Amino acid sequence: MNTIFFTLLMTFAVACNSQNCKQLPASFKSYNDAISKVTNSNFNYTDIANTSHSSWITSASFYSCDGENGYFIYSTNRDYTYIHKGVPLSIWKAFKTSPSMGSYYDRNIKGKYRLPLQ
């Protein structure tokens, strides 16, 4: 019984600290600010890629309010984390299933879908 209560309490605490994705600003102060705000918001669609077969992408996730376009966040083996805005869901799904995530990223995402800063 205590475990159930604790789980419900923690879920409520996390939900209270989150904001709705539609309340995110159009631009951010920095990339770290954007990553923090995006990862701490509630989205209608979220997904995480299995990057275990990638030689340099160590994690990748996708967040979308409308299920059509969203934020693409990935980390590299050099401990850098990057964020893109307005990435179509179809691009995300193709990235996830690509035999080479790095090559797919370079051809289809890099230099596109830039996140505006203030």
PDB file of N, CA and C in Angstrom:
ATOM      1  N   MET A   1       0.822  -1.191   0.000  1.00  0.00           N
ATOM      2  CA  MET A   1       0.000   0.000   0.000  1.00  0.00           C
ATOM      3  C   MET A   1       0.866   1.255   0.000  1.00  0.00           C
ATOM      4  N   ASN A   2       1.934   1.270   0.814  1.00  0.00           N
ATOM      5  CA  ASN A   2       2.826   2.424   0.857  1.00  0.00           C
ATOM      6  C   ASN A   2       3.503   2.645  -0.490  1.00  0.00           C
ATOM      7  N   THR A   3       3.841   1.570  -1.186  1.00  0.00           N
ATOM      8  CA  THR A   3       4.485   1.689  -2.491  1.00  0.00           C
ATOM      9  C   THR A   3       3.549   2.354  -3.492  1.00  0.00           C
ATOM     10  N   ILE A   4       2.301   1.978  -3.495  1.00  0.00           N
ATOM     11  CA  ILE A   4       1.325   2.585  -4.396  1.00  0.00           C
ATOM     12  C   ILE A   4       1.166   4.064  -4.080  1.00  0.00           C
ATOM     13  N   PHE A   5       1.055   4.410  -2.809  1.00  0.00           N
ATOM     14  CA  PHE A   5       0.915   5.803  -2.410  1.00  0.00           C
ATOM     15  C   PHE A   5       2.140   6.612  -2.832  1.00  0.00           C
ATOM     16  N   PHE A   6       3.327   6.057  -2.612  1.00  0.00           N
ATOM     17  CA  PHE A   6       4.564   6.752  -2.974  1.00  0.00           C
ATOM     18  C   PHE A   6       4.629   6.966  -4.484  1.00  0.00           C
ATOM     19  N   THR A   7       4.275   5.960  -5.266  1.00  0.00           N
ATOM     20  CA  THR A   7       4.285   6.070  -6.719  1.00  0.00           C
ATOM     21  C   THR A   7       3.322   7.154  -7.186  1.00  0.00           C
ATOM     22  N   LEU A   8       2.117   7.185  -6.635  1.00  0.00           N
ATOM     23  CA  LEU A   8       1.144   8.215  -6.994  1.00  0.00           C
ATOM     24  C   LEU A   8       1.630   9.605  -6.597  1.00  0.00           C
ATOM     25  N   LEU A   9       2.241   9.711  -5.427  1.00  0.00           N
ATOM     26  CA  LEU A   9       2.767  10.983  -4.961  1.00  0.00           C
ATOM     27  C   LEU A   9       3.877  11.482  -5.871  1.00  0.00           C
ATOM     28  N   MET A  10       4.793  10.606  -6.283  1.00  0.00           N
ATOM     29  CA  MET A  10       5.896  10.995  -7.159  1.00  0.00           C
ATOM     30  C   MET A  10       5.379  11.391  -8.553  1.00  0.00           C
ATOM     31  N   THR A  11       4.398  10.667  -9.053  1.00  0.00           N
ATOM     32  CA  THR A  11       3.803  11.000 -10.340  1.00  0.00           C
ATOM     33  C   THR A  11       3.161  12.382 -10.289  1.00  0.00           C
ATOM     34  N   PHE A  12       2.460  12.657  -9.203  1.00  0.00           N
ATOM     35  CA  PHE A  12       1.835  13.966  -9.040  1.00  0.00           C
ATOM     36  C   PHE A  12       2.888  15.064  -8.925  1.00  0.00           C
ATOM     37  N   ALA A  13       3.964  14.831  -8.202  1.00  0.00           N
ATOM     38  CA  ALA A  13       5.028  15.828  -8.035  1.00  0.00           C
ATOM     39  C   ALA A  13       5.696  16.141  -9.364  1.00  0.00           C
ATOM     40  N   VAL A  14       5.964  15.131 -10.174  1.00  0.00           N
ATOM     41  CA  VAL A  14       6.571  15.352 -11.483  1.00  0.00           C
ATOM     42  C   VAL A  14       5.613  16.121 -12.381  1.00  0.00           C
ATOM     43  N   ALA A  15       4.341  15.752 -12.368  1.00  0.00           N
ATOM     44  CA  ALA A  15       3.350  16.427 -13.194  1.00  0.00           C
ATOM     45  C   ALA A  15       3.200  17.892 -12.803  1.00  0.00           C
ATOM     46  N   CYS A  16       3.322  18.200 -11.538  1.00  0.00           N
ATOM     47  CA  CYS A  16       3.184  19.586 -11.085  1.00  0.00           C
ATOM     48  C   CYS A  16       4.360  20.444 -11.536  1.00  0.00           C
ATOM     49  N   ASN A  17       5.509  19.849 -11.728  1.00  0.00           N
ATOM     50  CA  ASN A  17       6.686  20.587 -12.157  1.00  0.00           C
ATOM     51  C   ASN A  17       6.764  20.707 -13.679  1.00  0.00           C
ATOM     52  N   SER A  18       5.877  20.058 -14.395  1.00  0.00           N
ATOM     53  CA  SER A  18       5.890  20.082 -15.852  1.00  0.00           C
ATOM     54  C   SER A  18       4.944  21.158 -16.355  1.00  0.00           C
ATOM     55  N   GLN A  19       5.195  21.581 -17.590  1.00  0.00           N
ATOM     56  CA  GLN A  19       4.272  22.492 -18.241  1.00  0.00           C
ATOM     57  C   GLN A  19       3.762  21.850 -19.519  1.00  0.00           C
ATOM     58  N   ASN A  20       2.669  22.360 -20.009  1.00  0.00           N
ATOM     59  CA  ASN A  20       2.114  21.875 -21.256  1.00  0.00           C
ATOM     60  C   ASN A  20       3.029  22.301 -22.398  1.00  0.00           C
ATOM     61  N   CYS A  21       3.245  21.426 -23.363  1.00  0.00           N
ATOM     62  CA  CYS A  21       4.143  21.732 -24.477  1.00  0.00           C
ATOM     63  C   CYS A  21       3.698  22.947 -25.268  1.00  0.00           C
ATOM     64  N   LYS A  22       2.421  23.234 -25.289  1.00  0.00           N
ATOM     65  CA  LYS A  22       1.920  24.393 -26.036  1.00  0.00           C
ATOM     66  C   LYS A  22       2.289  25.706 -25.359  1.00  0.00           C
ATOM     67  N   GLN A  23       2.811  25.649 -24.134  1.00  0.00           N
ATOM     68  CA  GLN A  23       3.243  26.843 -23.420  1.00  0.00           C
ATOM     69  C   GLN A  23       4.726  27.138 -23.627  1.00  0.00           C
ATOM     70  N   LEU A  24       5.406  26.313 -24.412  1.00  0.00           N
ATOM     71  CA  LEU A  24       6.828  26.557 -24.670  1.00  0.00           C
ATOM     72  C   LEU A  24       6.996  27.812 -25.520  1.00  0.00           C
ATOM     73  N   PRO A  25       8.048  28.582 -25.276  1.00  0.00           N
ATOM     74  CA  PRO A  25       8.272  29.792 -26.071  1.00  0.00           C
ATOM     75  C   PRO A  25       8.673  29.466 -27.505  1.00  0.00           C
ATOM     76  N   ALA A  26       8.538  30.446 -28.395  1.00  0.00           N
ATOM     77  CA  ALA A  26       8.929  30.274 -29.796  1.00  0.00           C
ATOM     78  C   ALA A  26      10.441  30.242 -29.941  1.00  0.00           C
ATOM     79  N   SER A  27      11.142  30.935 -29.036  1.00  0.00           N
ATOM     80  CA  SER A  27      12.606  30.911 -29.035  1.00  0.00           C
ATOM     81  C   SER A  27      13.091  30.810 -27.595  1.00  0.00           C
ATOM     82  N   PHE A  28      14.335  30.419 -27.438  1.00  0.00           N
ATOM     83  CA  PHE A  28      14.896  30.161 -26.123  1.00  0.00           C
ATOM     84  C   PHE A  28      16.163  30.987 -25.910  1.00  0.00           C
ATOM     85  N   LYS A  29      16.580  31.121 -24.639  1.00  0.00           N
ATOM     86  CA  LYS A  29      17.791  31.878 -24.306  1.00  0.00           C
ATOM     87  C   LYS A  29      19.054  31.155 -24.764  1.00  0.00           C
ATOM     88  N   SER A  30      19.027  29.829 -24.671  1.00  0.00           N
ATOM     89  CA  SER A  30      20.186  29.014 -25.043  1.00  0.00           C
ATOM     90  C   SER A  30      19.691  27.617 -25.404  1.00  0.00           C
ATOM     91  N   TYR A  31      20.587  26.820 -25.978  1.00  0.00           N
ATOM     92  CA  TYR A  31      20.224  25.437 -26.296  1.00  0.00           C
ATOM     93  C   TYR A  31      19.982  24.637 -25.012  1.00  0.00           C
ATOM     94  N   ASN A  32      20.775  24.891 -23.986  1.00  0.00           N
ATOM     95  CA  ASN A  32      20.557  24.192 -22.710  1.00  0.00           C
ATOM     96  C   ASN A  32      19.204  24.560 -22.113  1.00  0.00           C
ATOM     97  N   ASP A  33      18.820  25.835 -22.225  1.00  0.00           N
ATOM     98  CA  ASP A  33      17.510  26.279 -21.756  1.00  0.00           C
ATOM     99  C   ASP A  33      16.413  25.543 -22.511  1.00  0.00           C
ATOM    100  N   ALA A  34      16.550  25.433 -23.819  1.00  0.00           N
ATOM    101  CA  ALA A  34      15.559  24.742 -24.640  1.00  0.00           C
ATOM    102  C   ALA A  34      15.457  23.271 -24.266  1.00  0.00           C
ATOM    103  N   ILE A  35      16.586  22.614 -24.134  1.00  0.00           N
ATOM    104  CA  ILE A  35      16.591  21.191 -23.787  1.00  0.00           C
ATOM    105  C   ILE A  35      15.919  20.966 -22.446  1.00  0.00           C
ATOM    106  N   SER A  36      16.231  21.811 -21.473  1.00  0.00           N
ATOM    107  CA  SER A  36      15.628  21.691 -20.148  1.00  0.00           C
ATOM    108  C   SER A  36      14.115  21.884 -20.206  1.00  0.00           C
ATOM    109  N   LYS A  37      13.673  22.920 -20.897  1.00  0.00           N
ATOM    110  CA  LYS A  37      12.237  23.200 -20.961  1.00  0.00           C
ATOM    111  C   LYS A  37      11.489  22.132 -21.749  1.00  0.00           C
ATOM    112  N   VAL A  38      12.069  21.653 -22.825  1.00  0.00           N
ATOM    113  CA  VAL A  38      11.399  20.621 -23.630  1.00  0.00           C
ATOM    114  C   VAL A  38      11.302  19.319 -22.844  1.00  0.00           C
ATOM    115  N   THR A  39      12.393  18.883 -22.247  1.00  0.00           N
ATOM    116  CA  THR A  39      12.383  17.598 -21.545  1.00  0.00           C
ATOM    117  C   THR A  39      11.549  17.632 -20.266  1.00  0.00           C
ATOM    118  N   ASN A  40      11.221  18.823 -19.783  1.00  0.00           N
ATOM    119  CA  ASN A  40      10.401  18.943 -18.573  1.00  0.00           C
ATOM    120  C   ASN A  40       8.972  19.364 -18.873  1.00  0.00           C
ATOM    121  N   SER A  41       8.541  19.219 -20.111  1.00  0.00           N
ATOM    122  CA  SER A  41       7.173  19.550 -20.506  1.00  0.00           C
ATOM    123  C   SER A  41       6.416  18.283 -20.853  1.00  0.00           C
ATOM    124  N   ASN A  42       5.112  18.400 -20.831  1.00  0.00           N
ATOM    125  CA  ASN A  42       4.243  17.280 -21.202  1.00  0.00           C
ATOM    126  C   ASN A  42       3.894  17.378 -22.680  1.00  0.00           C
ATOM    127  N   PHE A  43       4.123  16.289 -23.409  1.00  0.00           N
ATOM    128  CA  PHE A  43       3.851  16.230 -24.843  1.00  0.00           C
ATOM    129  C   PHE A  43       2.839  15.131 -25.135  1.00  0.00           C
ATOM    130  N   ASN A  44       2.087  15.304 -26.207  1.00  0.00           N
ATOM    131  CA  ASN A  44       1.132  14.282 -26.636  1.00  0.00           C
ATOM    132  C   ASN A  44       1.848  13.057 -27.193  1.00  0.00           C
ATOM    133  N   TYR A  45       3.029  13.278 -27.785  1.00  0.00           N
ATOM    134  CA  TYR A  45       3.793  12.177 -28.382  1.00  0.00           C
ATOM    135  C   TYR A  45       5.251  12.317 -27.993  1.00  0.00           C
ATOM    136  N   THR A  46       5.801  11.279 -27.399  1.00  0.00           N
ATOM    137  CA  THR A  46       7.236  11.218 -27.101  1.00  0.00           C
ATOM    138  C   THR A  46       7.753   9.857 -27.519  1.00  0.00           C
ATOM    139  N   ASP A  47       9.023   9.818 -27.917  1.00  0.00           N
ATOM    140  CA  ASP A  47       9.609   8.566 -28.362  1.00  0.00           C
ATOM    141  C   ASP A  47      11.109   8.609 -28.126  1.00  0.00           C
ATOM    142  N   ILE A  48      11.681   7.464 -27.878  1.00  0.00           N
ATOM    143  CA  ILE A  48      13.124   7.332 -27.661  1.00  0.00           C
ATOM    144  C   ILE A  48      13.654   6.293 -28.633  1.00  0.00           C
ATOM    145  N   ALA A  49      14.794   6.601 -29.251  1.00  0.00           N
ATOM    146  CA  ALA A  49      15.404   5.665 -30.198  1.00  0.00           C
ATOM    147  C   ALA A  49      16.403   4.763 -29.497  1.00  0.00           C
ATOM    148  N   ASN A  50      16.528   3.550 -29.982  1.00  0.00           N
ATOM    149  CA  ASN A  50      17.586   2.646 -29.546  1.00  0.00           C
ATOM    150  C   ASN A  50      18.830   2.996 -30.367  1.00  0.00           C
ATOM    151  N   THR A  51      19.797   3.620 -29.725  1.00  0.00           N
ATOM    152  CA  THR A  51      21.005   4.079 -30.429  1.00  0.00           C
ATOM    153  C   THR A  51      22.195   3.162 -30.193  1.00  0.00           C
ATOM    154  N   SER A  52      21.960   1.971 -29.688  1.00  0.00           N
ATOM    155  CA  SER A  52      23.069   1.074 -29.340  1.00  0.00           C
ATOM    156  C   SER A  52      23.930   0.681 -30.540  1.00  0.00           C
ATOM    157  N   HIS A  53      23.377   0.736 -31.744  1.00  0.00           N
ATOM    158  CA  HIS A  53      24.158   0.365 -32.927  1.00  0.00           C
ATOM    159  C   HIS A  53      24.863   1.569 -33.578  1.00  0.00           C
ATOM    160  N   SER A  54      24.692   2.763 -33.014  1.00  0.00           N
ATOM    161  CA  SER A  54      25.332   3.950 -33.578  1.00  0.00           C
ATOM    162  C   SER A  54      26.739   4.113 -33.015  1.00  0.00           C
ATOM    163  N   SER A  55      27.657   4.538 -33.867  1.00  0.00           N
ATOM    164  CA  SER A  55      29.042   4.708 -33.420  1.00  0.00           C
ATOM    165  C   SER A  55      29.268   6.013 -32.678  1.00  0.00           C
ATOM    166  N   TRP A  56      28.385   7.024 -32.869  1.00  0.00           N
ATOM    167  CA  TRP A  56      28.615   8.288 -32.177  1.00  0.00           C
ATOM    168  C   TRP A  56      27.382   8.936 -31.574  1.00  0.00           C
ATOM    169  N   ILE A  57      26.185   8.499 -31.919  1.00  0.00           N
ATOM    170  CA  ILE A  57      24.975   9.015 -31.280  1.00  0.00           C
ATOM    171  C   ILE A  57      24.648   8.094 -30.111  1.00  0.00           C
ATOM    172  N   THR A  58      24.657   8.665 -28.917  1.00  0.00           N
ATOM    173  CA  THR A  58      24.470   7.846 -27.711  1.00  0.00           C
ATOM    174  C   THR A  58      23.036   7.842 -27.191  1.00  0.00           C
ATOM    175  N   SER A  59      22.254   8.844 -27.562  1.00  0.00           N
ATOM    176  CA  SER A  59      20.836   8.859 -27.196  1.00  0.00           C
ATOM    177  C   SER A  59      20.106   9.771 -28.164  1.00  0.00           C
ATOM    178  N   ALA A  60      18.820   9.509 -28.355  1.00  0.00           N
ATOM    179  CA  ALA A  60      17.995  10.340 -29.231  1.00  0.00           C
ATOM    180  C   ALA A  60      16.544  10.224 -28.784  1.00  0.00           C
ATOM    181  N   SER A  61      15.872  11.363 -28.742  1.00  0.00           N
ATOM    182  CA  SER A  61      14.470  11.380 -28.346  1.00  0.00           C
ATOM    183  C   SER A  61      13.705  12.412 -29.167  1.00  0.00           C
ATOM    184  N   PHE A  62      12.396  12.238 -29.205  1.00  0.00           N
ATOM    185  CA  PHE A  62      11.520  13.076 -30.011  1.00  0.00           C
ATOM    186  C   PHE A  62      10.312  13.463 -29.174  1.00  0.00           C
ATOM    187  N   TYR A  63       9.924  14.733 -29.255  1.00  0.00           N
ATOM    188  CA  TYR A  63       8.811  15.269 -28.476  1.00  0.00           C
ATOM    189  C   TYR A  63       7.908  16.075 -29.409  1.00  0.00           C
ATOM    190  N   SER A  64       6.616  15.756 -29.427  1.00  0.00           N
ATOM    191  CA  SER A  64       5.695  16.456 -30.319  1.00  0.00           C
ATOM    192  C   SER A  64       4.377  16.766 -29.626  1.00  0.00           C
ATOM    193  N   CYS A  65       3.909  17.989 -29.801  1.00  0.00           N
ATOM    194  CA  CYS A  65       2.579  18.389 -29.305  1.00  0.00           C
ATOM    195  C   CYS A  65       1.480  17.889 -30.222  1.00  0.00           C
ATOM    196  N   ASP A  66       1.722  17.998 -31.532  1.00  0.00           N
ATOM    197  CA  ASP A  66       0.665  17.713 -32.499  1.00  0.00           C
ATOM    198  C   ASP A  66       0.783  16.357 -33.204  1.00  0.00           C
ATOM    199  N   GLY A  67       1.854  15.609 -32.916  1.00  0.00           N
ATOM    200  CA  GLY A  67       2.032  14.312 -33.560  1.00  0.00           C
ATOM    201  C   GLY A  67       2.485  14.400 -34.998  1.00  0.00           C
ATOM    202  N   GLU A  68       2.812  15.612 -35.461  1.00  0.00           N
ATOM    203  CA  GLU A  68       3.271  15.797 -36.837  1.00  0.00           C
ATOM    204  C   GLU A  68       4.705  16.310 -36.907  1.00  0.00           C
ATOM    205  N   ASN A  69       5.013  17.315 -36.081  1.00  0.00           N
ATOM    206  CA  ASN A  69       6.356  17.907 -36.015  1.00  0.00           C
ATOM    207  C   ASN A  69       6.751  18.035 -34.557  1.00  0.00           C
ATOM    208  N   GLY A  70       8.063  18.072 -34.315  1.00  0.00           N
ATOM    209  CA  GLY A  70       8.461  18.173 -32.924  1.00  0.00           C
ATOM    210  C   GLY A  70       9.919  18.504 -32.732  1.00  0.00           C
ATOM    211  N   TYR A  71      10.348  18.335 -31.498  1.00  0.00           N
ATOM    212  CA  TYR A  71      11.729  18.570 -31.093  1.00  0.00           C
ATOM    213  C   TYR A  71      12.497  17.254 -31.156  1.00  0.00           C
ATOM    214  N   PHE A  72      13.658  17.305 -31.742  1.00  0.00           N
ATOM    215  CA  PHE A  72      14.561  16.150 -31.840  1.00  0.00           C
ATOM    216  C   PHE A  72      15.790  16.490 -30.998  1.00  0.00           C
ATOM    217  N   ILE A  73      16.054  15.697 -29.985  1.00  0.00           N
ATOM    218  CA  ILE A  73      17.203  15.914 -29.103  1.00  0.00           C
ATOM    219  C   ILE A  73      18.083  14.681 -29.159  1.00  0.00           C
ATOM    220  N   TYR A  74      19.378  14.901 -29.358  1.00  0.00           N
ATOM    221  CA  TYR A  74      20.298  13.761 -29.350  1.00  0.00           C
ATOM    222  C   TYR A  74      21.603  14.141 -28.660  1.00  0.00           C
ATOM    223  N   SER A  75      22.275  13.115 -28.152  1.00  0.00           N
ATOM    224  CA  SER A  75      23.574  13.276 -27.496  1.00  0.00           C
ATOM    225  C   SER A  75      24.608  12.460 -28.249  1.00  0.00           C
ATOM    226  N   THR A  76      25.860  12.921 -28.138  1.00  0.00           N
ATOM    227  CA  THR A  76      26.954  12.243 -28.838  1.00  0.00           C
ATOM    228  C   THR A  76      27.938  11.633 -27.850  1.00  0.00           C
ATOM    229  N   ASN A  77      28.856  10.851 -28.400  1.00  0.00           N
ATOM    230  CA  ASN A  77      29.875  10.215 -27.566  1.00  0.00           C
ATOM    231  C   ASN A  77      30.913  11.225 -27.058  1.00  0.00           C
ATOM    232  N   ARG A  78      30.797  12.464 -27.449  1.00  0.00           N
ATOM    233  CA  ARG A  78      31.668  13.537 -26.939  1.00  0.00           C
ATOM    234  C   ARG A  78      30.966  14.364 -25.872  1.00  0.00           C
ATOM    235  N   ASP A  79      29.875  13.836 -25.352  1.00  0.00           N
ATOM    236  CA  ASP A  79      29.098  14.474 -24.286  1.00  0.00           C
ATOM    237  C   ASP A  79      28.457  15.798 -24.680  1.00  0.00           C
ATOM    238  N   TYR A  80      28.121  15.954 -25.962  1.00  0.00           N
ATOM    239  CA  TYR A  80      27.372  17.111 -26.425  1.00  0.00           C
ATOM    240  C   TYR A  80      25.921  16.692 -26.632  1.00  0.00           C
ATOM    241  N   THR A  81      25.006  17.602 -26.334  1.00  0.00           N
ATOM    242  CA  THR A  81      23.591  17.369 -26.582  1.00  0.00           C
ATOM    243  C   THR A  81      23.083  18.482 -27.482  1.00  0.00           C
ATOM    244  N   TYR A  82      22.333  18.104 -28.509  1.00  0.00           N
ATOM    245  CA  TYR A  82      21.832  19.039 -29.514  1.00  0.00           C
ATOM    246  C   TYR A  82      20.315  18.939 -29.593  1.00  0.00           C
ATOM    247  N   ILE A  83      19.703  20.026 -30.069  1.00  0.00           N
ATOM    248  CA  ILE A  83      18.244  20.050 -30.211  1.00  0.00           C
ATOM    249  C   ILE A  83      17.872  20.693 -31.543  1.00  0.00           C
ATOM    250  N   HIS A  84      16.869  20.115 -32.179  1.00  0.00           N
ATOM    251  CA  HIS A  84      16.301  20.645 -33.417  1.00  0.00           C
ATOM    252  C   HIS A  84      14.811  20.852 -33.195  1.00  0.00           C
ATOM    253  N   LYS A  85      14.238  21.833 -33.883  1.00  0.00           N
ATOM    254  CA  LYS A  85      12.810  22.137 -33.746  1.00  0.00           C
ATOM    255  C   LYS A  85      12.129  22.003 -35.103  1.00  0.00           C
ATOM    256  N   GLY A  86      10.882  21.516 -35.077  1.00  0.00           N
ATOM    257  CA  GLY A  86      10.099  21.413 -36.308  1.00  0.00           C
ATOM    258  C   GLY A  86      10.421  20.195 -37.148  1.00  0.00           C
ATOM    259  N   VAL A  87      11.014  19.189 -36.538  1.00  0.00           N
ATOM    260  CA  VAL A  87      11.358  17.961 -37.259  1.00  0.00           C
ATOM    261  C   VAL A  87      10.078  17.154 -37.493  1.00  0.00           C
ATOM    262  N   PRO A  88       9.789  16.800 -38.751  1.00  0.00           N
ATOM    263  CA  PRO A  88       8.599  15.989 -39.024  1.00  0.00           C
ATOM    264  C   PRO A  88       8.707  14.592 -38.393  1.00  0.00           C
ATOM    265  N   LEU A  89       7.576  14.086 -37.969  1.00  0.00           N
ATOM    266  CA  LEU A  89       7.516  12.744 -37.384  1.00  0.00           C
ATOM    267  C   LEU A  89       8.067  11.712 -38.366  1.00  0.00           C
ATOM    268  N   SER A  90       7.824  11.891 -39.652  1.00  0.00           N
ATOM    269  CA  SER A  90       8.318  10.933 -40.650  1.00  0.00           C
ATOM    270  C   SER A  90       9.858  10.907 -40.672  1.00  0.00           C
ATOM    271  N   ILE A  91      10.482  12.047 -40.492  1.00  0.00           N
ATOM    272  CA  ILE A  91      11.954  12.107 -40.439  1.00  0.00           C
ATOM    273  C   ILE A  91      12.443  11.378 -39.194  1.00  0.00           C
ATOM    274  N   TRP A  92      11.781  11.619 -38.061  1.00  0.00           N
ATOM    275  CA  TRP A  92      12.152  10.929 -36.822  1.00  0.00           C
ATOM    276  C   TRP A  92      12.048   9.412 -36.989  1.00  0.00           C
ATOM    277  N   LYS A  93      10.954   8.939 -37.537  1.00  0.00           N
ATOM    278  CA  LYS A  93      10.759   7.489 -37.704  1.00  0.00           C
ATOM    279  C   LYS A  93      11.800   6.899 -38.650  1.00  0.00           C
ATOM    280  N   ALA A  94      12.130   7.609 -39.715  1.00  0.00           N
ATOM    281  CA  ALA A  94      13.162   7.129 -40.640  1.00  0.00           C
ATOM    282  C   ALA A  94      14.532   7.128 -39.968  1.00  0.00           C
ATOM    283  N   PHE A  95      14.806   8.126 -39.149  1.00  0.00           N
ATOM    284  CA  PHE A  95      16.064   8.169 -38.385  1.00  0.00           C
ATOM    285  C   PHE A  95      16.173   6.943 -37.492  1.00  0.00           C
ATOM    286  N   LYS A  96      15.094   6.647 -36.768  1.00  0.00           N
ATOM    287  CA  LYS A  96      15.094   5.520 -35.830  1.00  0.00           C
ATOM    288  C   LYS A  96      15.376   4.182 -36.500  1.00  0.00           C
ATOM    289  N   THR A  97      14.921   4.011 -37.717  1.00  0.00           N
ATOM    290  CA  THR A  97      15.059   2.719 -38.399  1.00  0.00           C
ATOM    291  C   THR A  97      16.219   2.692 -39.393  1.00  0.00           C
ATOM    292  N   SER A  98      16.941   3.778 -39.477  1.00  0.00           N
ATOM    293  CA  SER A  98      18.055   3.854 -40.418  1.00  0.00           C
ATOM    294  C   SER A  98      19.183   2.908 -40.014  1.00  0.00           C
ATOM    295  N   PRO A  99      19.822   2.244 -40.983  1.00  0.00           N
ATOM    296  CA  PRO A  99      20.951   1.382 -40.649  1.00  0.00           C
ATOM    297  C   PRO A  99      22.145   2.181 -40.123  1.00  0.00           C
ATOM    298  N   SER A 100      22.229   3.460 -40.487  1.00  0.00           N
ATOM    299  CA  SER A 100      23.281   4.340 -39.963  1.00  0.00           C
ATOM    300  C   SER A 100      22.641   5.643 -39.517  1.00  0.00           C
ATOM    301  N   MET A 101      22.405   5.778 -38.216  1.00  0.00           N
ATOM    302  CA  MET A 101      21.768   6.983 -37.694  1.00  0.00           C
ATOM    303  C   MET A 101      22.606   8.226 -37.989  1.00  0.00           C
ATOM    304  N   GLY A 102      23.917   8.108 -37.875  1.00  0.00           N
ATOM    305  CA  GLY A 102      24.792   9.246 -38.135  1.00  0.00           C
ATOM    306  C   GLY A 102      24.707   9.718 -39.570  1.00  0.00           C
ATOM    307  N   SER A 103      24.737   8.790 -40.507  1.00  0.00           N
ATOM    308  CA  SER A 103      24.627   9.149 -41.922  1.00  0.00           C
ATOM    309  C   SER A 103      23.257   9.741 -42.230  1.00  0.00           C
ATOM    310  N   TYR A 104      22.222   9.139 -41.661  1.00  0.00           N
ATOM    311  CA  TYR A 104      20.873   9.673 -41.876  1.00  0.00           C
ATOM    312  C   TYR A 104      20.775  11.085 -41.326  1.00  0.00           C
ATOM    313  N   TYR A 105      21.306  11.285 -40.127  1.00  0.00           N
ATOM    314  CA  TYR A 105      21.307  12.611 -39.523  1.00  0.00           C
ATOM    315  C   TYR A 105      22.017  13.616 -40.435  1.00  0.00           C
ATOM    316  N   ASP A 106      23.200  13.269 -40.894  1.00  0.00           N
ATOM    317  CA  ASP A 106      23.988  14.179 -41.738  1.00  0.00           C
ATOM    318  C   ASP A 106      23.237  14.557 -43.019  1.00  0.00           C
ATOM    319  N   ARG A 107      22.545  13.612 -43.630  1.00  0.00           N
ATOM    320  CA  ARG A 107      21.850  13.855 -44.897  1.00  0.00           C
ATOM    321  C   ARG A 107      20.497  14.554 -44.731  1.00  0.00           C
ATOM    322  N   ASN A 108      19.791  14.269 -43.648  1.00  0.00           N
ATOM    323  CA  ASN A 108      18.388  14.679 -43.575  1.00  0.00           C
ATOM    324  C   ASN A 108      18.017  15.637 -42.442  1.00  0.00           C
ATOM    325  N   ILE A 109      18.898  15.824 -41.466  1.00  0.00           N
ATOM    326  CA  ILE A 109      18.550  16.660 -40.315  1.00  0.00           C
ATOM    327  C   ILE A 109      19.563  17.782 -40.093  1.00  0.00           C
ATOM    328  N   LYS A 110      20.828  17.476 -40.184  1.00  0.00           N
ATOM    329  CA  LYS A 110      21.884  18.449 -39.920  1.00  0.00           C
ATOM    330  C   LYS A 110      21.715  19.694 -40.789  1.00  0.00           C
ATOM    331  N   GLY A 111      21.790  20.856 -40.146  1.00  0.00           N
ATOM    332  CA  GLY A 111      21.654  22.119 -40.863  1.00  0.00           C
ATOM    333  C   GLY A 111      20.222  22.515 -41.162  1.00  0.00           C
ATOM    334  N   LYS A 112      19.280  21.652 -40.838  1.00  0.00           N
ATOM    335  CA  LYS A 112      17.858  21.920 -41.048  1.00  0.00           C
ATOM    336  C   LYS A 112      17.183  21.959 -39.681  1.00  0.00           C
ATOM    337  N   TYR A 113      15.993  22.425 -39.644  1.00  0.00           N
ATOM    338  CA  TYR A 113      15.191  22.396 -38.421  1.00  0.00           C
ATOM    339  C   TYR A 113      15.920  23.076 -37.251  1.00  0.00           C
ATOM    340  N   ARG A 114      16.474  24.229 -37.508  1.00  0.00           N
ATOM    341  CA  ARG A 114      17.221  24.951 -36.476  1.00  0.00           C
ATOM    342  C   ARG A 114      16.296  25.476 -35.390  1.00  0.00           C
ATOM    343  N   LEU A 115      16.797  25.454 -34.192  1.00  0.00           N
ATOM    344  CA  LEU A 115      16.067  25.985 -33.049  1.00  0.00           C
ATOM    345  C   LEU A 115      16.423  27.462 -32.902  1.00  0.00           C
ATOM    346  N   PRO A 116      15.434  28.370 -32.968  1.00  0.00           N
ATOM    347  CA  PRO A 116      15.759  29.791 -32.826  1.00  0.00           C
ATOM    348  C   PRO A 116      16.100  30.165 -31.382  1.00  0.00           C
ATOM    349  N   LEU A 117      17.128  30.986 -31.240  1.00  0.00           N
ATOM    350  CA  LEU A 117      17.497  31.519 -29.935  1.00  0.00           C
ATOM    351  C   LEU A 117      17.131  32.997 -29.895  1.00  0.00           C
ATOM    352  N   GLN A 118      16.941  33.504 -28.696  1.00  0.00           N
ATOM    353  CA  GLN A 118      16.591  34.911 -28.519  1.00  0.00           C
ATOM    354  C   GLN A 118      17.763  35.798 -28.794  1.00  0.00           C
TER     355      GLN A 118
END
